[in-house]
Structures are given as structure tokens and as C-alpha cells.
Amino acid sequence: MRNFARCGWPLATDGKGKAVAHSELRSWMTVKGTVPVQPVRVFVSYEALAQLDPFDIRDFAAAFEHFERFRTRIEAAASDKFDRDGPDADKHEGMLAIRLTTNDPI
């Protein structure tokens, strides 16, 4: 497996993947230009979503709508963080992951 830590690998998206709600919203992106495709799980905390528009997060359905409304900003923030810091030290189900929290600019 490649070492993506601080090596300038942006993430790519097809804009079609669906978010999944658990303790936070989850989505997928891929490492741009890798062959074979290298998926990266993107986690977004509800608190980070709420910072985008604090009046919009009421329930899971609203969180999904909020994610779609701000998807471009969320994916850009995930790509920037991955490019800058590499993946999180903890993998998710054996896959690379990146987590956006209130400490990350979205």
C-alpha cells in the first residue's frame, strides 16, 4: 500500500456517492490519479455540519440534505486535509479514512 502521508495526493469525487449516517455522516472519495483506485472513507461530524448552517440540522434527514447542500465545500475540505496531512492514523474497516471536525475549515 502506498504511503499517502503528506505527499500531495488530492482526493477526487464523482459527486454521486450517498452519505451514510451513524455517529457522523460518512461518504467515499478516491485518491486522485491512483491505479488501482484507492478509496478513502470521509467522516464528517454533525457538529462540523452544524457550523455550516446551525439552523438546518434537526434530524438525520436534515443532515443528509445539509451534506448535499454543502457537498462541494465538504469534499474540498476533505481533499485539502488529506493533501496536507495524509489519511487518519486509524483506518476504517481496513481502508484509508479522513475525518472532518469542528477544528477543520469547511
N, C-alpha and C. Protein backbone atom coordinates (compact mmCIF):
# COMPACT_ATOMS: atom_id res chain seq x y z
N MET A 1 0.83 -1.17 0.00
CA MET A 1 0.00 0.00 0.00
C MET A 1 0.88 1.24 0.00
N ARG A 2 0.48 2.25 -0.71
CA ARG A 2 1.24 3.50 -0.79
C ARG A 2 1.21 4.25 0.53
N ASN A 3 2.23 5.04 0.76
CA ASN A 3 2.26 5.93 1.90
C ASN A 3 1.78 7.30 1.44
N PHE A 4 0.57 7.67 1.84
CA PHE A 4 -0.03 8.93 1.40
C PHE A 4 0.22 10.08 2.37
N ALA A 5 0.91 9.83 3.45
CA ALA A 5 1.12 10.87 4.45
C ALA A 5 1.94 12.02 3.86
N ARG A 6 1.33 13.17 3.82
CA ARG A 6 1.98 14.43 3.41
C ARG A 6 2.72 14.33 2.09
N CYS A 7 2.04 13.77 1.10
CA CYS A 7 2.72 13.61 -0.18
C CYS A 7 2.00 14.34 -1.31
N GLY A 8 1.02 15.15 -0.98
CA GLY A 8 0.36 15.95 -2.00
C GLY A 8 -0.57 15.16 -2.91
N TRP A 9 -1.36 14.25 -2.36
CA TRP A 9 -2.32 13.48 -3.15
C TRP A 9 -3.72 14.02 -2.88
N PRO A 10 -4.30 14.79 -3.79
CA PRO A 10 -5.67 15.27 -3.57
C PRO A 10 -6.67 14.13 -3.74
N LEU A 11 -7.86 14.33 -3.20
CA LEU A 11 -8.93 13.35 -3.36
C LEU A 11 -9.84 13.76 -4.50
N ALA A 12 -10.50 12.80 -5.10
CA ALA A 12 -11.43 13.04 -6.20
C ALA A 12 -12.80 12.50 -5.82
N THR A 13 -13.83 13.03 -6.45
CA THR A 13 -15.19 12.57 -6.20
C THR A 13 -15.95 12.47 -7.51
N ASP A 14 -16.93 11.60 -7.51
CA ASP A 14 -17.80 11.54 -8.67
C ASP A 14 -19.09 12.33 -8.41
N GLY A 15 -19.26 12.82 -7.18
CA GLY A 15 -20.43 13.63 -6.84
C GLY A 15 -21.72 12.84 -6.72
N LYS A 16 -21.64 11.50 -6.82
CA LYS A 16 -22.85 10.68 -6.81
C LYS A 16 -22.98 9.82 -5.57
N GLY A 17 -21.88 9.60 -4.85
CA GLY A 17 -21.92 8.74 -3.69
C GLY A 17 -22.86 9.26 -2.63
N LYS A 18 -23.57 8.37 -1.99
CA LYS A 18 -24.54 8.74 -0.97
C LYS A 18 -23.88 8.79 0.40
N ALA A 19 -24.27 9.75 1.21
CA ALA A 19 -23.80 9.83 2.59
C ALA A 19 -24.55 8.79 3.41
N VAL A 20 -23.91 8.32 4.46
CA VAL A 20 -24.50 7.34 5.38
C VAL A 20 -24.40 7.92 6.78
N ALA A 21 -25.48 7.83 7.56
CA ALA A 21 -25.48 8.39 8.91
C ALA A 21 -25.24 7.31 9.94
N HIS A 22 -24.31 7.56 10.84
CA HIS A 22 -24.08 6.73 12.02
C HIS A 22 -23.88 7.74 13.14
N SER A 23 -22.75 7.73 13.80
CA SER A 23 -22.47 8.77 14.79
C SER A 23 -22.00 10.05 14.11
N GLU A 24 -21.78 9.95 12.82
CA GLU A 24 -21.40 11.08 11.97
C GLU A 24 -21.75 10.68 10.54
N LEU A 25 -21.75 11.63 9.63
CA LEU A 25 -22.03 11.28 8.23
C LEU A 25 -20.77 10.70 7.60
N ARG A 26 -20.96 9.71 6.74
CA ARG A 26 -19.85 9.07 6.05
C ARG A 26 -20.10 9.10 4.56
N SER A 27 -19.04 9.30 3.82
CA SER A 27 -19.10 9.28 2.37
C SER A 27 -17.78 8.71 1.87
N TRP A 28 -17.69 8.49 0.55
CA TRP A 28 -16.47 7.98 -0.06
C TRP A 28 -15.90 8.97 -1.05
N MET A 29 -14.59 9.01 -1.13
CA MET A 29 -13.87 9.70 -2.19
C MET A 29 -12.76 8.75 -2.62
N THR A 30 -11.98 9.12 -3.61
CA THR A 30 -10.84 8.31 -4.03
C THR A 30 -9.61 9.19 -4.12
N VAL A 31 -8.44 8.57 -4.01
CA VAL A 31 -7.19 9.31 -4.19
C VAL A 31 -7.02 9.53 -5.68
N LYS A 32 -6.95 10.79 -6.07
CA LYS A 32 -6.88 11.15 -7.48
C LYS A 32 -5.63 10.60 -8.15
N GLY A 33 -5.83 9.97 -9.30
CA GLY A 33 -4.72 9.50 -10.13
C GLY A 33 -4.12 8.17 -9.73
N THR A 34 -4.71 7.48 -8.76
CA THR A 34 -4.13 6.18 -8.37
C THR A 34 -4.74 5.05 -9.19
N VAL A 35 -3.88 4.08 -9.52
CA VAL A 35 -4.32 2.88 -10.22
C VAL A 35 -3.71 1.70 -9.47
N PRO A 36 -4.50 0.79 -8.94
CA PRO A 36 -5.96 0.81 -8.97
C PRO A 36 -6.51 1.92 -8.08
N VAL A 37 -7.79 2.15 -8.21
CA VAL A 37 -8.46 3.21 -7.43
C VAL A 37 -8.25 2.95 -5.95
N GLN A 38 -7.90 3.99 -5.21
CA GLN A 38 -7.67 3.90 -3.77
C GLN A 38 -8.80 4.66 -3.06
N PRO A 39 -9.80 3.94 -2.52
CA PRO A 39 -10.91 4.62 -1.85
C PRO A 39 -10.49 5.17 -0.49
N VAL A 40 -11.14 6.25 -0.12
CA VAL A 40 -10.92 6.90 1.18
C VAL A 40 -12.29 7.19 1.78
N ARG A 41 -12.52 6.72 2.99
CA ARG A 41 -13.77 7.00 3.69
C ARG A 41 -13.66 8.39 4.30
N VAL A 42 -14.67 9.22 4.05
CA VAL A 42 -14.71 10.59 4.59
C VAL A 42 -15.77 10.63 5.68
N PHE A 43 -15.38 11.03 6.88
CA PHE A 43 -16.29 11.19 8.01
C PHE A 43 -16.48 12.68 8.27
N VAL A 44 -17.70 13.09 8.51
CA VAL A 44 -17.99 14.49 8.85
C VAL A 44 -18.82 14.49 10.12
N SER A 45 -18.33 15.14 11.16
CA SER A 45 -19.09 15.18 12.41
C SER A 45 -20.32 16.06 12.23
N TYR A 46 -21.37 15.72 12.98
CA TYR A 46 -22.58 16.53 12.93
C TYR A 46 -22.31 17.95 13.39
N GLU A 47 -21.38 18.11 14.32
CA GLU A 47 -21.02 19.44 14.81
C GLU A 47 -20.39 20.27 13.69
N ALA A 48 -19.54 19.62 12.88
CA ALA A 48 -18.93 20.33 11.76
C ALA A 48 -19.99 20.71 10.73
N LEU A 49 -20.95 19.82 10.48
CA LEU A 49 -22.06 20.16 9.57
C LEU A 49 -22.87 21.32 10.11
N ALA A 50 -23.13 21.30 11.41
CA ALA A 50 -23.95 22.35 12.02
C ALA A 50 -23.27 23.71 11.92
N GLN A 51 -21.95 23.74 11.92
CA GLN A 51 -21.24 25.02 11.79
C GLN A 51 -21.48 25.67 10.43
N LEU A 52 -21.80 24.87 9.42
CA LEU A 52 -22.05 25.43 8.09
C LEU A 52 -23.36 26.21 8.07
N ASP A 53 -24.35 25.75 8.82
CA ASP A 53 -25.64 26.42 8.94
C ASP A 53 -26.31 25.85 10.18
N PRO A 54 -26.12 26.49 11.34
CA PRO A 54 -26.58 25.91 12.60
C PRO A 54 -28.09 25.73 12.71
N PHE A 55 -28.87 26.36 11.86
CA PHE A 55 -30.31 26.24 11.96
C PHE A 55 -30.88 25.12 11.12
N ASP A 56 -30.04 24.39 10.41
CA ASP A 56 -30.52 23.41 9.45
C ASP A 56 -30.48 21.97 9.93
N ILE A 57 -29.68 21.62 10.94
CA ILE A 57 -29.55 20.24 11.38
C ILE A 57 -30.59 19.96 12.47
N ARG A 58 -31.66 19.24 12.10
CA ARG A 58 -32.71 18.90 13.05
C ARG A 58 -32.78 17.41 13.29
N ASP A 59 -32.47 16.62 12.28
CA ASP A 59 -32.58 15.18 12.35
C ASP A 59 -31.73 14.58 11.24
N PHE A 60 -31.76 13.24 11.12
CA PHE A 60 -30.94 12.58 10.09
C PHE A 60 -31.28 13.07 8.69
N ALA A 61 -32.56 13.20 8.39
CA ALA A 61 -32.96 13.64 7.04
C ALA A 61 -32.40 15.02 6.74
N ALA A 62 -32.46 15.91 7.71
CA ALA A 62 -31.91 17.26 7.52
C ALA A 62 -30.39 17.21 7.37
N ALA A 63 -29.74 16.31 8.10
CA ALA A 63 -28.28 16.19 7.99
C ALA A 63 -27.89 15.75 6.59
N PHE A 64 -28.65 14.81 6.00
CA PHE A 64 -28.36 14.39 4.62
C PHE A 64 -28.55 15.55 3.64
N GLU A 65 -29.62 16.30 3.80
CA GLU A 65 -29.87 17.46 2.95
C GLU A 65 -28.74 18.48 3.10
N HIS A 66 -28.34 18.69 4.34
CA HIS A 66 -27.25 19.62 4.64
C HIS A 66 -25.96 19.17 3.96
N PHE A 67 -25.67 17.86 4.04
CA PHE A 67 -24.48 17.32 3.40
C PHE A 67 -24.52 17.61 1.90
N GLU A 68 -25.63 17.31 1.26
CA GLU A 68 -25.75 17.54 -0.19
C GLU A 68 -25.63 19.02 -0.53
N ARG A 69 -26.23 19.87 0.28
CA ARG A 69 -26.18 21.32 0.04
C ARG A 69 -24.75 21.84 0.08
N PHE A 70 -23.95 21.30 1.02
CA PHE A 70 -22.57 21.77 1.20
C PHE A 70 -21.54 20.76 0.71
N ARG A 71 -21.96 19.82 -0.11
CA ARG A 71 -21.09 18.73 -0.56
C ARG A 71 -19.78 19.23 -1.17
N THR A 72 -19.83 20.22 -2.02
CA THR A 72 -18.62 20.73 -2.68
C THR A 72 -17.63 21.24 -1.65
N ARG A 73 -18.11 21.99 -0.66
CA ARG A 73 -17.23 22.53 0.39
C ARG A 73 -16.67 21.40 1.26
N ILE A 74 -17.50 20.41 1.60
CA ILE A 74 -17.07 19.29 2.43
C ILE A 74 -16.00 18.48 1.70
N GLU A 75 -16.24 18.17 0.43
CA GLU A 75 -15.27 17.39 -0.33
C GLU A 75 -13.97 18.16 -0.56
N ALA A 76 -14.06 19.47 -0.77
CA ALA A 76 -12.84 20.28 -0.92
C ALA A 76 -12.06 20.29 0.39
N ALA A 77 -12.76 20.41 1.51
CA ALA A 77 -12.08 20.41 2.82
C ALA A 77 -11.43 19.04 3.08
N ALA A 78 -12.13 17.96 2.73
CA ALA A 78 -11.55 16.62 2.91
C ALA A 78 -10.31 16.44 2.04
N SER A 79 -10.39 16.89 0.80
CA SER A 79 -9.25 16.77 -0.11
C SER A 79 -8.07 17.61 0.39
N ASP A 80 -8.34 18.84 0.84
CA ASP A 80 -7.28 19.70 1.36
C ASP A 80 -6.60 19.06 2.58
N LYS A 81 -7.42 18.52 3.49
CA LYS A 81 -6.86 17.91 4.69
C LYS A 81 -6.05 16.67 4.34
N PHE A 82 -6.56 15.84 3.43
CA PHE A 82 -5.84 14.64 3.00
C PHE A 82 -4.53 15.03 2.32
N ASP A 83 -4.58 16.04 1.47
CA ASP A 83 -3.39 16.51 0.75
C ASP A 83 -2.35 17.06 1.72
N ARG A 84 -2.82 17.76 2.74
CA ARG A 84 -1.94 18.41 3.71
C ARG A 84 -1.39 17.41 4.74
N ASP A 85 -2.28 16.57 5.30
CA ASP A 85 -1.91 15.73 6.45
C ASP A 85 -1.86 14.24 6.15
N GLY A 86 -2.37 13.83 4.99
CA GLY A 86 -2.47 12.41 4.71
C GLY A 86 -3.68 11.83 5.42
N PRO A 87 -3.88 10.52 5.33
CA PRO A 87 -5.05 9.91 5.96
C PRO A 87 -4.90 9.87 7.48
N ASP A 88 -6.03 9.66 8.16
CA ASP A 88 -6.01 9.48 9.61
C ASP A 88 -5.16 8.27 9.95
N ALA A 89 -4.59 8.28 11.13
CA ALA A 89 -3.77 7.15 11.58
C ALA A 89 -4.62 5.88 11.70
N ASP A 90 -5.88 6.05 12.12
CA ASP A 90 -6.78 4.90 12.25
C ASP A 90 -7.51 4.68 10.94
N LYS A 91 -7.46 3.45 10.47
CA LYS A 91 -8.19 3.09 9.25
C LYS A 91 -9.62 2.73 9.62
N HIS A 92 -10.51 2.76 8.63
CA HIS A 92 -11.89 2.35 8.82
C HIS A 92 -12.11 1.07 8.03
N GLU A 93 -12.33 -0.03 8.73
CA GLU A 93 -12.53 -1.33 8.09
C GLU A 93 -11.40 -1.64 7.10
N GLY A 94 -10.17 -1.30 7.49
CA GLY A 94 -9.00 -1.58 6.68
C GLY A 94 -8.75 -0.58 5.56
N MET A 95 -9.58 0.42 5.44
CA MET A 95 -9.45 1.41 4.36
C MET A 95 -8.96 2.75 4.92
N LEU A 96 -8.32 3.53 4.05
CA LEU A 96 -7.90 4.87 4.43
C LEU A 96 -9.13 5.70 4.81
N ALA A 97 -8.93 6.64 5.73
CA ALA A 97 -10.04 7.48 6.18
C ALA A 97 -9.54 8.88 6.49
N ILE A 98 -10.45 9.83 6.39
CA ILE A 98 -10.18 11.22 6.76
C ILE A 98 -11.41 11.70 7.53
N ARG A 99 -11.21 12.43 8.61
CA ARG A 99 -12.31 12.87 9.47
C ARG A 99 -12.32 14.41 9.54
N LEU A 100 -13.47 14.99 9.24
CA LEU A 100 -13.65 16.44 9.36
C LEU A 100 -14.42 16.73 10.64
N THR A 101 -13.87 17.62 11.45
CA THR A 101 -14.50 18.01 12.71
C THR A 101 -14.61 19.52 12.75
N THR A 102 -15.02 20.03 13.90
CA THR A 102 -15.14 21.48 14.05
C THR A 102 -13.78 22.17 13.99
N ASN A 103 -12.69 21.42 14.11
CA ASN A 103 -11.36 22.02 14.01
C ASN A 103 -10.89 22.22 12.58
N ASP A 104 -11.65 21.71 11.62
CA ASP A 104 -11.27 21.79 10.21
C ASP A 104 -12.07 22.87 9.50
N PRO A 105 -11.40 23.72 8.72
CA PRO A 105 -12.15 24.72 7.95
C PRO A 105 -12.91 24.05 6.80
N ILE A 106 -14.21 24.26 6.79
CA ILE A 106 -15.04 23.70 5.71
C ILE A 106 -15.69 24.88 4.98
